Amino acid sequence: MDNKKKVMIVEDDAVLVNALTLSLEDEGYDISVATDGEEAEKMILKEKPDLILLDLLLPIKSGFEVLKIIRGNPDTKNISVVILTNFEQETSIDEGMRLGAKDYIVKANIDIKDIPTIVKKYMPA
C-alpha cells in the first residue's frame, strides 16, 4: 500500500509544471497534473489529493471557479489549497483567501526550491 501524500498541480505552464513536479517528487510526493480548470475539477473529484497547488489563470475554468467547486463539495471541501499564481491584485488575494485557500503565493516572488517547504507547511498530517 502506497502512503505517499498526493499533491495535484493545476497549472498550464509546462515548464513550471515540470520544475514543480521534479522538486516535489524529490521530496517523496505523488504528483498529478491538470492543465485546465475543467480537467482539474474532474481529477480532484476522482483522486482527492491531499494538497492542491492552484493557478488562477487557467484555460476553460479559472482557479477561482475550481476553488469554489472544491469548497462546495463535501468530499473535497477539506483539501488544502495553495494558490500559486502571477496574479498579484489585492482583490484577487482577498478573494482567494475568502474562498478558503491556505495561502496565496505569487510565482514571481518565490523560488521553486521553496515550494516543498510550503507544501509541507500546509500538508494535512
C-alpha atoms as a PDB file:
ATOM      1  CA  MET A   1       0.000   0.000   0.000  1.00  0.00           C
ATOM      2  CA  ASP A   2       1.360   3.371  -1.043  1.00  0.00           C
ATOM      3  CA  ASN A   3       1.086   6.000   1.674  1.00  0.00           C
ATOM      4  CA  LYS A   4       2.673   8.831  -0.278  1.00  0.00           C
ATOM      5  CA  LYS A   5       0.938  12.165   0.145  1.00  0.00           C
ATOM      6  CA  LYS A   6      -0.732  13.322  -3.072  1.00  0.00           C
ATOM      7  CA  VAL A   7      -0.132  16.775  -4.500  1.00  0.00           C
ATOM      8  CA  MET A   8      -2.056  17.987  -7.529  1.00  0.00           C
ATOM      9  CA  ILE A   9      -0.524  20.752  -9.604  1.00  0.00           C
ATOM     10  CA  VAL A  10      -3.135  22.767 -11.508  1.00  0.00           C
ATOM     11  CA  GLU A  11      -1.053  24.836 -13.907  1.00  0.00           C
ATOM     12  CA  ASP A  12      -0.953  25.380 -17.673  1.00  0.00           C
ATOM     13  CA  ASP A  13       2.734  26.392 -17.942  1.00  0.00           C
ATOM     14  CA  ALA A  14       4.555  23.179 -18.930  1.00  0.00           C
ATOM     15  CA  VAL A  15       7.990  24.433 -17.838  1.00  0.00           C
ATOM     16  CA  LEU A  16       6.694  25.346 -14.377  1.00  0.00           C
ATOM     17  CA  VAL A  17       4.779  22.056 -14.096  1.00  0.00           C
ATOM     18  CA  ASN A  18       7.975  20.150 -14.864  1.00  0.00           C
ATOM     19  CA  ALA A  19      10.022  22.121 -12.311  1.00  0.00           C
ATOM     20  CA  LEU A  20       7.357  21.741  -9.605  1.00  0.00           C
ATOM     21  CA  THR A  21       6.935  18.032 -10.337  1.00  0.00           C
ATOM     22  CA  LEU A  22      10.668  17.320 -10.091  1.00  0.00           C
ATOM     23  CA  SER A  23      11.004  19.395  -6.921  1.00  0.00           C
ATOM     24  CA  LEU A  24       8.084  17.667  -5.174  1.00  0.00           C
ATOM     25  CA  GLU A  25       8.849  14.126  -6.383  1.00  0.00           C
ATOM     26  CA  ASP A  26      12.321  14.540  -4.871  1.00  0.00           C
ATOM     27  CA  GLU A  27      10.521  15.081  -1.535  1.00  0.00           C
ATOM     28  CA  GLY A  28       8.558  11.841  -1.961  1.00  0.00           C
ATOM     29  CA  TYR A  29       5.184  13.242  -3.003  1.00  0.00           C
ATOM     30  CA  ASP A  30       2.888  11.534  -5.502  1.00  0.00           C
ATOM     31  CA  ILE A  31       2.197  14.174  -8.174  1.00  0.00           C
ATOM     32  CA  SER A  32      -0.703  14.582 -10.564  1.00  0.00           C
ATOM     33  CA  VAL A  33      -1.156  17.433 -13.019  1.00  0.00           C
ATOM     34  CA  ALA A  34      -4.161  19.188 -14.529  1.00  0.00           C
ATOM     35  CA  THR A  35      -3.576  21.853 -17.171  1.00  0.00           C
ATOM     36  CA  ASP A  36      -7.019  23.469 -17.239  1.00  0.00           C
ATOM     37  CA  GLY A  37      -9.815  24.133 -14.762  1.00  0.00           C
ATOM     38  CA  GLU A  38     -12.229  21.572 -16.159  1.00  0.00           C
ATOM     39  CA  GLU A  39      -9.638  18.778 -16.105  1.00  0.00           C
ATOM     40  CA  ALA A  40      -8.698  19.829 -12.558  1.00  0.00           C
ATOM     41  CA  GLU A  41     -12.296  19.575 -11.390  1.00  0.00           C
ATOM     42  CA  LYS A  42     -12.672  16.014 -12.735  1.00  0.00           C
ATOM     43  CA  MET A  43      -9.300  14.864 -11.385  1.00  0.00           C
ATOM     44  CA  ILE A  44      -9.854  16.381  -7.926  1.00  0.00           C
ATOM     45  CA  LEU A  45     -13.165  14.554  -7.531  1.00  0.00           C
ATOM     46  CA  LYS A  46     -11.582  11.287  -8.663  1.00  0.00           C
ATOM     47  CA  GLU A  47      -8.193  11.454  -6.921  1.00  0.00           C
ATOM     48  CA  LYS A  48      -8.926  13.572  -3.833  1.00  0.00           C
ATOM     49  CA  PRO A  49      -5.357  14.855  -3.435  1.00  0.00           C
ATOM     50  CA  ASP A  50      -4.049  15.886  -0.017  1.00  0.00           C
ATOM     51  CA  LEU A  51      -2.995  19.296  -1.325  1.00  0.00           C
ATOM     52  CA  ILE A  52      -3.546  21.317  -4.500  1.00  0.00           C
ATOM     53  CA  LEU A  53      -1.216  23.948  -5.947  1.00  0.00           C
ATOM     54  CA  LEU A  54      -3.695  26.050  -7.915  1.00  0.00           C
ATOM     55  CA  ASP A  55      -3.009  28.646 -10.581  1.00  0.00           C
ATOM     56  CA  LEU A  56      -5.785  31.201 -11.110  1.00  0.00           C
ATOM     57  CA  LEU A  57      -5.340  31.990 -14.796  1.00  0.00           C
ATOM     58  CA  LEU A  58      -6.304  28.702 -16.435  1.00  0.00           C
ATOM     59  CA  PRO A  59      -7.983  27.671 -19.683  1.00  0.00           C
ATOM     60  CA  ILE A  60     -11.715  26.724 -19.619  1.00  0.00           C
ATOM     61  CA  LYS A  61     -12.360  27.401 -15.896  1.00  0.00           C
ATOM     62  CA  SER A  62     -10.441  29.818 -13.687  1.00  0.00           C
ATOM     63  CA  GLY A  63      -8.720  28.807 -10.492  1.00  0.00           C
ATOM     64  CA  PHE A  64     -11.382  30.749  -8.594  1.00  0.00           C
ATOM     65  CA  GLU A  65     -14.100  28.611 -10.203  1.00  0.00           C
ATOM     66  CA  VAL A  66     -12.175  25.440  -9.337  1.00  0.00           C
ATOM     67  CA  LEU A  67     -11.716  26.613  -5.731  1.00  0.00           C
ATOM     68  CA  LYS A  68     -15.456  27.333  -5.394  1.00  0.00           C
ATOM     69  CA  ILE A  69     -16.240  23.838  -6.703  1.00  0.00           C
ATOM     70  CA  ILE A  70     -13.749  22.223  -4.292  1.00  0.00           C
ATOM     71  CA  ARG A  71     -15.149  24.121  -1.293  1.00  0.00           C
ATOM     72  CA  GLY A  72     -18.748  23.463  -2.328  1.00  0.00           C
ATOM     73  CA  ASN A  73     -18.389  19.680  -2.411  1.00  0.00           C
ATOM     74  CA  PRO A  74     -18.474  17.755   0.922  1.00  0.00           C
ATOM     75  CA  ASP A  75     -15.987  15.196  -0.493  1.00  0.00           C
ATOM     76  CA  THR A  76     -13.369  17.824  -1.365  1.00  0.00           C
ATOM     77  CA  LYS A  77     -14.072  20.832   0.864  1.00  0.00           C
ATOM     78  CA  ASN A  78     -11.265  19.986   3.323  1.00  0.00           C
ATOM     79  CA  ILE A  79      -8.485  19.579   0.733  1.00  0.00           C
ATOM     80  CA  SER A  80      -5.639  22.036   1.370  1.00  0.00           C
ATOM     81  CA  VAL A  81      -5.347  24.520  -1.492  1.00  0.00           C
ATOM     82  CA  VAL A  82      -2.385  26.839  -2.019  1.00  0.00           C
ATOM     83  CA  ILE A  83      -2.854  29.401  -4.784  1.00  0.00           C
ATOM     84  CA  LEU A  84       0.288  29.752  -6.892  1.00  0.00           C
ATOM     85  CA  THR A  85      -0.193  32.493  -9.469  1.00  0.00           C
ATOM     86  CA  ASN A  86       1.279  35.614 -11.020  1.00  0.00           C
ATOM     87  CA  PHE A  87      -1.977  37.459 -10.420  1.00  0.00           C
ATOM     88  CA  GLU A  88      -0.949  39.912  -7.707  1.00  0.00           C
ATOM     89  CA  GLN A  89      -4.001  42.153  -7.327  1.00  0.00           C
ATOM     90  CA  GLU A  90      -5.141  42.756  -3.759  1.00  0.00           C
ATOM     91  CA  THR A  91      -8.747  41.897  -4.683  1.00  0.00           C
ATOM     92  CA  SER A  92      -7.626  38.515  -6.049  1.00  0.00           C
ATOM     93  CA  ILE A  93      -5.614  37.756  -2.926  1.00  0.00           C
ATOM     94  CA  ASP A  94      -8.605  38.659  -0.750  1.00  0.00           C
ATOM     95  CA  GLU A  95     -10.940  36.539  -2.895  1.00  0.00           C
ATOM     96  CA  GLY A  96      -8.598  33.538  -2.841  1.00  0.00           C
ATOM     97  CA  MET A  97      -8.294  33.626   0.933  1.00  0.00           C
ATOM     98  CA  ARG A  98     -12.037  34.231   1.365  1.00  0.00           C
ATOM     99  CA  LEU A  99     -12.720  31.131  -0.726  1.00  0.00           C
ATOM    100  CA  GLY A 100     -10.592  29.063   1.636  1.00  0.00           C
ATOM    101  CA  ALA A 101      -7.089  28.912   0.215  1.00  0.00           C
ATOM    102  CA  LYS A 102      -4.428  28.182   2.848  1.00  0.00           C
ATOM    103  CA  ASP A 103      -2.003  30.616   1.221  1.00  0.00           C
ATOM    104  CA  TYR A 104      -1.659  32.876  -1.810  1.00  0.00           C
ATOM    105  CA  ILE A 105       1.784  32.818  -3.385  1.00  0.00           C
ATOM    106  CA  VAL A 106       2.884  34.991  -6.286  1.00  0.00           C
ATOM    107  CA  LYS A 107       5.136  32.939  -8.594  1.00  0.00           C
ATOM    108  CA  ALA A 108       7.425  35.867  -9.350  1.00  0.00           C
ATOM    109  CA  ASN A 109       8.149  36.285  -5.620  1.00  0.00           C
ATOM    110  CA  ILE A 110       9.195  32.714  -4.858  1.00  0.00           C
ATOM    111  CA  ASP A 111      11.967  30.302  -5.726  1.00  0.00           C
ATOM    112  CA  ILE A 112      10.890  26.826  -6.909  1.00  0.00           C
ATOM    113  CA  LYS A 113      13.174  25.259  -4.302  1.00  0.00           C
ATOM    114  CA  ASP A 114      10.962  26.805  -1.590  1.00  0.00           C
ATOM    115  CA  ILE A 115       7.823  25.038  -2.820  1.00  0.00           C
ATOM    116  CA  PRO A 116       8.427  21.738  -0.942  1.00  0.00           C
ATOM    117  CA  THR A 117       8.658  23.707   2.337  1.00  0.00           C
ATOM    118  CA  ILE A 118       5.362  25.438   1.574  1.00  0.00           C
ATOM    119  CA  VAL A 119       3.716  22.131   0.638  1.00  0.00           C
ATOM    120  CA  LYS A 120       4.978  20.550   3.868  1.00  0.00           C
ATOM    121  CA  LYS A 121       3.615  23.514   5.871  1.00  0.00           C
ATOM    122  CA  TYR A 122       0.066  23.083   4.545  1.00  0.00           C
ATOM    123  CA  MET A 123       0.007  19.298   4.046  1.00  0.00           C
ATOM    124  CA  PRO A 124      -2.533  17.665   6.354  1.00  0.00           C
ATOM    125  CA  ALA A 125      -0.975  15.335   8.945  1.00  0.00           C
END
